[in-house]
Protein backbone atom coordinates (compact mmCIF):
# COMPACT_ATOMS: atom_id res chain seq x y z
CA UNK A 1 101.76 105.99 104.37
CA UNK A 2 100.76 108.43 106.87
CA UNK A 3 99.43 108.75 110.29
CA UNK A 4 95.83 109.85 110.55
CA UNK A 5 94.93 109.58 113.98
CA UNK A 6 95.03 107.38 117.47
CA UNK A 7 92.46 104.96 118.71
CA UNK A 8 93.17 105.88 121.77
CA UNK A 9 94.30 109.48 122.29
CA UNK A 10 92.53 110.76 119.26
CA UNK A 11 94.74 113.18 117.97
CA UNK A 12 97.69 112.36 115.52
CA UNK A 13 101.34 111.56 117.65
CA UNK A 14 103.61 114.70 117.67
CA UNK A 15 106.54 114.61 114.95
CA UNK A 16 109.86 114.04 116.64
CA UNK A 17 113.67 114.12 115.48
CA UNK A 18 115.45 111.02 116.23
CA UNK A 19 118.82 109.77 114.95
CA UNK A 20 118.37 108.07 112.14
CA UNK A 21 120.39 106.26 109.13
CA UNK A 22 119.09 104.87 105.71
CA UNK A 23 121.00 101.61 106.33
CA UNK A 24 121.89 99.14 109.31
CA UNK A 25 125.46 98.72 109.13
CA UNK A 26 126.79 101.20 106.41
CA UNK A 27 126.79 105.08 106.42
CA UNK A 28 123.55 105.54 104.15
CA UNK A 29 123.66 106.43 100.66
CA UNK A 30 120.36 104.33 99.71
CA UNK A 31 117.13 106.73 98.93
CA UNK A 32 114.62 106.34 101.88
CA UNK A 33 111.20 107.85 101.42
CA UNK A 34 108.74 109.99 103.23
CA UNK A 35 105.95 108.08 104.04
CA UNK A 36 108.20 104.74 104.81
CA UNK A 37 108.04 102.68 107.56
CA UNK A 38 111.25 103.34 110.52
CA UNK A 39 112.13 101.00 113.05
CA UNK A 40 115.02 100.79 115.74
CA UNK A 41 117.98 98.74 115.27
CA UNK A 42 118.01 95.29 116.67
CA UNK A 43 119.05 94.60 120.33
CA UNK A 44 121.77 92.13 118.76
CA UNK A 45 122.90 94.61 116.28
CA UNK A 46 124.71 97.04 118.45
CA UNK A 47 127.82 96.63 116.02
CA UNK A 48 127.22 100.41 115.18
CA UNK A 49 125.39 101.83 118.02
CA UNK A 50 121.50 101.98 118.41
CA UNK A 51 119.46 104.42 116.03
CA UNK A 52 116.52 104.35 113.91
CA UNK A 53 116.56 102.99 110.58
CA UNK A 54 114.48 101.67 107.41
CA UNK A 55 112.02 98.89 108.65
CA UNK A 56 112.83 96.86 105.86
CA UNK A 57 116.04 96.22 107.81
CA UNK A 58 117.43 93.21 109.31
CA UNK A 59 114.90 92.32 111.30
CA UNK A 60 112.21 93.60 109.03
CA UNK A 61 109.64 95.33 111.21
CA UNK A 62 111.02 94.50 114.65
CA UNK A 63 110.97 97.30 116.95
CA UNK A 64 109.02 99.09 114.58
CA UNK A 65 108.55 102.69 116.04
CA UNK A 66 107.62 105.43 113.55
CA UNK A 67 106.80 106.89 109.93
CA UNK A 68 109.56 108.87 108.28
CA UNK A 69 108.41 112.26 107.16
CA UNK A 70 111.38 113.37 104.66
CA UNK A 71 112.92 112.25 101.71
CA UNK A 72 116.58 110.73 102.92
CA UNK A 73 119.39 109.97 100.47
CA UNK A 74 121.91 110.29 103.38
CA UNK A 75 123.11 109.42 106.66
CA UNK A 76 126.08 108.52 109.06
CA UNK A 77 126.34 105.81 111.50
CA UNK A 78 126.91 106.60 115.41
CA UNK A 79 130.70 105.11 114.94
CA UNK A 80 131.16 106.77 111.43
CA UNK A 81 134.49 108.76 110.62
CA UNK A 82 133.04 110.56 107.79
CA UNK A 83 130.18 112.36 109.51
CA UNK A 84 127.88 112.93 112.36
CA UNK A 85 124.21 111.15 112.63
CA UNK A 86 121.24 113.24 111.01
CA UNK A 87 118.34 113.66 113.16
CA UNK A 88 115.49 112.94 110.87
CA UNK A 89 111.46 113.60 111.35
CA UNK A 90 109.56 111.01 112.44
CA UNK A 91 106.04 110.63 113.60
CA UNK A 92 105.70 107.66 116.37
CA UNK A 93 103.26 105.07 115.55
CA UNK A 94 101.60 102.70 118.57
CA UNK A 95 99.60 99.64 118.47
CA UNK A 96 96.33 101.97 118.76
CA UNK A 97 97.96 104.53 115.95
CA UNK A 98 95.83 104.45 112.48
CA UNK A 99 97.69 104.51 109.57
CA UNK A 100 96.59 105.07 105.80
CA UNK A 101 98.49 103.36 103.22
CA UNK A 102 97.62 103.72 99.10
CA UNK A 103 97.22 100.99 96.82
CA UNK A 104 99.96 101.93 95.04
CA UNK A 105 100.89 101.05 91.32
CA UNK A 106 104.40 101.49 91.75
CA UNK A 107 106.53 101.64 94.96
CA UNK A 108 108.60 104.85 95.62
CA UNK A 109 111.37 103.53 93.62
CA UNK A 110 109.47 102.78 90.75
CA UNK A 111 108.83 99.00 91.17
CA UNK A 112 105.47 97.35 89.99
CA UNK A 113 102.80 97.35 92.59
CA UNK A 114 100.12 95.52 90.60
CA UNK A 115 98.56 92.24 90.36
CA UNK A 116 98.37 90.50 87.12
CA UNK A 117 97.31 87.19 85.54
CA UNK A 118 93.68 86.82 86.12
CA UNK A 119 91.23 85.91 83.35
CA UNK A 120 87.57 86.36 82.70
CA UNK A 121 84.90 86.21 79.86
CA UNK A 122 82.97 89.02 78.61
CA UNK A 123 79.64 89.58 80.33
CA UNK A 124 80.85 86.95 83.20
CA UNK A 125 81.12 87.15 86.95
CA UNK A 126 83.61 84.39 87.27
CA UNK A 127 87.38 85.85 87.90
CA UNK A 128 89.90 82.77 87.43
CA UNK A 129 92.79 83.60 89.66
CA UNK A 130 94.92 81.70 92.06
CA UNK A 131 93.85 82.27 95.60
CA UNK A 132 95.14 80.04 98.22
CA UNK A 133 92.30 80.17 100.94
CA UNK A 134 88.90 80.12 100.17
CA UNK A 135 86.71 83.17 101.53
CA UNK A 136 89.44 85.42 102.29
CA UNK A 137 88.77 87.76 99.66
CA UNK A 138 84.99 88.20 100.27
CA UNK A 139 84.50 92.07 100.79
CA UNK A 140 87.29 92.96 98.46
CA UNK A 141 87.80 94.89 95.39
CA UNK A 142 89.34 94.55 91.86
CA UNK A 143 90.34 97.57 89.87
CA UNK A 144 91.26 97.09 86.45
CA UNK A 145 94.32 99.52 85.47
CA UNK A 146 94.59 97.99 81.90
CA UNK A 147 93.07 96.19 78.98
CA UNK A 148 89.49 96.42 77.81
CA UNK A 149 87.89 96.71 81.54
CA UNK A 150 90.68 99.58 82.52
CA UNK A 151 88.50 101.92 84.98
CA UNK A 152 86.18 99.25 85.79
CA UNK A 153 85.66 98.41 89.96
CA UNK A 154 84.54 95.05 90.77
CA UNK A 155 83.35 93.90 94.18
CA UNK A 156 84.20 90.19 95.28
CA UNK A 157 81.31 88.12 96.70
CA UNK A 158 83.06 84.97 96.95
CA UNK A 159 86.38 82.94 96.40
CA UNK A 160 87.77 79.43 96.25
CA UNK A 161 91.34 78.78 95.43
CA UNK A 162 90.87 79.28 91.68
CA UNK A 163 88.39 81.63 91.16
CA UNK A 164 86.74 85.03 92.50
CA UNK A 165 83.25 85.87 92.11
CA UNK A 166 82.32 89.24 91.20
CA UNK A 167 78.80 90.93 92.31
CA UNK A 168 78.40 92.43 88.91
CA UNK A 169 79.23 91.34 85.39
CA UNK A 170 82.80 92.46 83.73
CA UNK A 171 81.74 94.77 80.64
CA UNK A 172 84.50 93.19 78.28
CA UNK A 173 86.75 89.99 78.65
CA UNK A 174 89.90 90.29 80.88
CA UNK A 175 92.99 88.68 79.49
CA UNK A 176 96.13 87.59 81.51
CA UNK A 177 98.12 90.54 80.38
CA UNK A 178 95.80 92.95 81.91
CA UNK A 179 96.59 94.87 84.92
CA UNK A 180 94.71 95.45 88.26
CA UNK A 181 94.84 96.68 91.98
CA UNK A 182 93.52 94.26 94.66
CA UNK A 183 92.05 96.44 97.39
CA UNK A 184 91.59 94.01 100.44
CA UNK A 185 88.12 93.66 102.38
CA UNK A 186 87.76 96.26 105.04
CA UNK A 187 88.36 94.04 108.01
CA UNK A 188 91.58 92.19 106.90
CA UNK A 189 94.57 91.08 108.79
CA UNK A 190 97.28 89.81 105.66
CA UNK A 191 98.77 92.73 103.69
CA UNK A 192 101.75 93.24 101.39
CA UNK A 193 103.40 96.18 102.19
CA UNK A 194 105.58 97.06 99.35
CA UNK A 195 109.49 97.28 99.33
CA UNK A 196 109.85 100.67 99.82
CA UNK A 197 107.45 100.38 102.81
CA UNK A 198 105.29 103.44 101.85
CA UNK A 199 102.43 101.75 100.54
CA UNK A 200 100.53 98.30 99.97
CA UNK A 201 101.43 96.12 97.21
CA UNK A 202 98.56 94.35 95.36
CA UNK A 203 98.52 90.91 95.90
CA UNK A 204 94.77 88.61 95.56
CA UNK A 205 96.72 85.72 96.58
CA UNK A 206 96.53 85.38 100.80
CA UNK A 207 99.33 82.93 100.53
CA UNK A 208 102.01 85.68 99.15
CA UNK A 209 100.82 88.03 101.76
CA UNK A 210 103.10 87.92 104.85
CA UNK A 211 102.63 91.43 106.50
CA UNK A 212 100.18 90.82 109.61
CA UNK A 213 98.25 94.26 110.18
CA UNK A 214 94.63 95.41 111.41
CA UNK A 215 92.72 96.12 108.54
CA UNK A 216 89.97 98.48 109.66
CA UNK A 217 88.75 100.22 106.29
CA UNK A 218 89.18 100.72 102.81
CA UNK A 219 88.31 103.96 100.58
CA UNK A 220 88.59 105.37 97.30
CA UNK A 221 89.50 108.54 95.93
CA UNK A 222 88.93 109.97 92.17
CA UNK A 223 87.87 113.15 90.75
CA UNK A 224 84.45 112.48 90.23
CA UNK A 225 83.46 111.31 93.39
CA UNK A 226 85.82 112.83 95.70
CA UNK A 227 87.49 110.81 98.83
CA UNK A 228 84.98 108.24 100.35
CA UNK A 229 84.56 104.98 101.80
CA UNK A 230 84.13 102.07 99.46
CA UNK A 231 80.31 101.06 99.30
CA UNK A 232 79.24 97.96 97.10
CA UNK A 233 75.58 99.94 96.26
CA UNK A 234 77.47 102.80 95.21
CA UNK A 235 80.36 101.91 93.31
CA UNK A 236 80.09 98.00 92.54
CA UNK A 237 80.54 98.05 88.60
CA UNK A 238 81.10 101.38 88.12
CA UNK A 239 84.12 102.97 85.33
CA UNK A 240 85.74 105.03 87.32
CA UNK A 241 88.94 106.94 85.82
CA UNK A 242 91.79 107.86 87.77
CA UNK A 243 91.00 106.03 90.99
CA UNK A 244 93.17 105.67 94.37
CA UNK A 245 92.52 103.52 96.78
CA UNK A 246 93.59 103.42 100.46
CA UNK A 247 93.25 101.34 103.44
CA UNK A 248 93.16 102.41 107.65
CA UNK A 249 94.89 99.91 109.61
CA UNK A 250 96.86 99.59 112.74
CA UNK A 251 100.57 97.50 113.29
CA UNK A 252 99.64 94.92 116.07
CA UNK A 253 102.53 94.69 118.70
CA UNK A 254 104.44 91.05 119.53
CA UNK A 255 102.49 89.49 116.34
CA UNK A 256 103.36 87.75 112.92
CA UNK A 257 102.26 85.51 110.65
CA UNK A 258 104.58 82.83 112.54
CA UNK A 259 103.64 83.89 115.52
CA UNK A 260 106.86 85.27 116.43
CA UNK A 261 107.73 88.93 118.43
CA UNK A 262 108.95 90.47 114.77
CA UNK A 263 106.32 93.48 115.07
CA UNK A 264 107.24 94.01 118.54
CA UNK A 265 106.71 98.08 119.15
CA UNK A 266 109.58 99.72 120.53
CA UNK A 267 107.16 102.26 122.42
CA UNK A 268 105.19 99.71 123.85
CA UNK A 269 107.53 96.89 124.90
CA UNK A 270 110.93 98.32 124.48
CA UNK A 271 113.48 96.61 122.67
CA UNK A 272 112.81 92.98 121.08
CA UNK A 273 115.66 91.31 122.99
CA UNK A 274 114.86 87.73 121.74
CA UNK A 275 117.62 88.01 118.68
């Protein structure tokens, strides 16, 4: 992930150097990656002092405050007897900060981030797949990575709980083993941040996505077309080899899928002291 700009200030917030450890309760030896989200430790987790850490640590995304600007493989807690806390480069984020994240095929630790298990008949527009809520994927896209349709991009005009409807027919049959990327509609609120908190994981089923973001727009980048916003009348049904896809979004403060204050923004609200 990376910061693009700010909706209020315009310019990207300046990068700071702040105390950071890769783990919550141990000297850090776990790799954390450039582009990963950063949080401050929970108010209740003062066992080792206060510092910035990986956003996936307990409680995930609580006191979220920035994006790490360097790869990190070593760190020390404030009370460590083995070394001093390192200051790491972190770009702060606010609820008004626009972030760009890629729909990656694998996260920074090489875990697969694509979706699978969809099927379709050759020359058909019906993509059979499980989606919890009807109409959530209208305006989204499927980009096939493997199989007989590899490289093809299809726009979704409708979905119910068992199928999605493509605007253009697939050239060949889609089988359950085929892998694909799922690009959310531009204005979306349910996403799936991957396990390294560096990008977005493809998940067509909204019931399996639990990260509440404010989606703004989606983009494509490919050698043949450069980097542009996705447009149905231009890109639907094309075979675009080696394409990458991105979403621009903000992270709201004080809001989660269950209505709790998990997404409390440190710079706006201070530490979340509920837990």
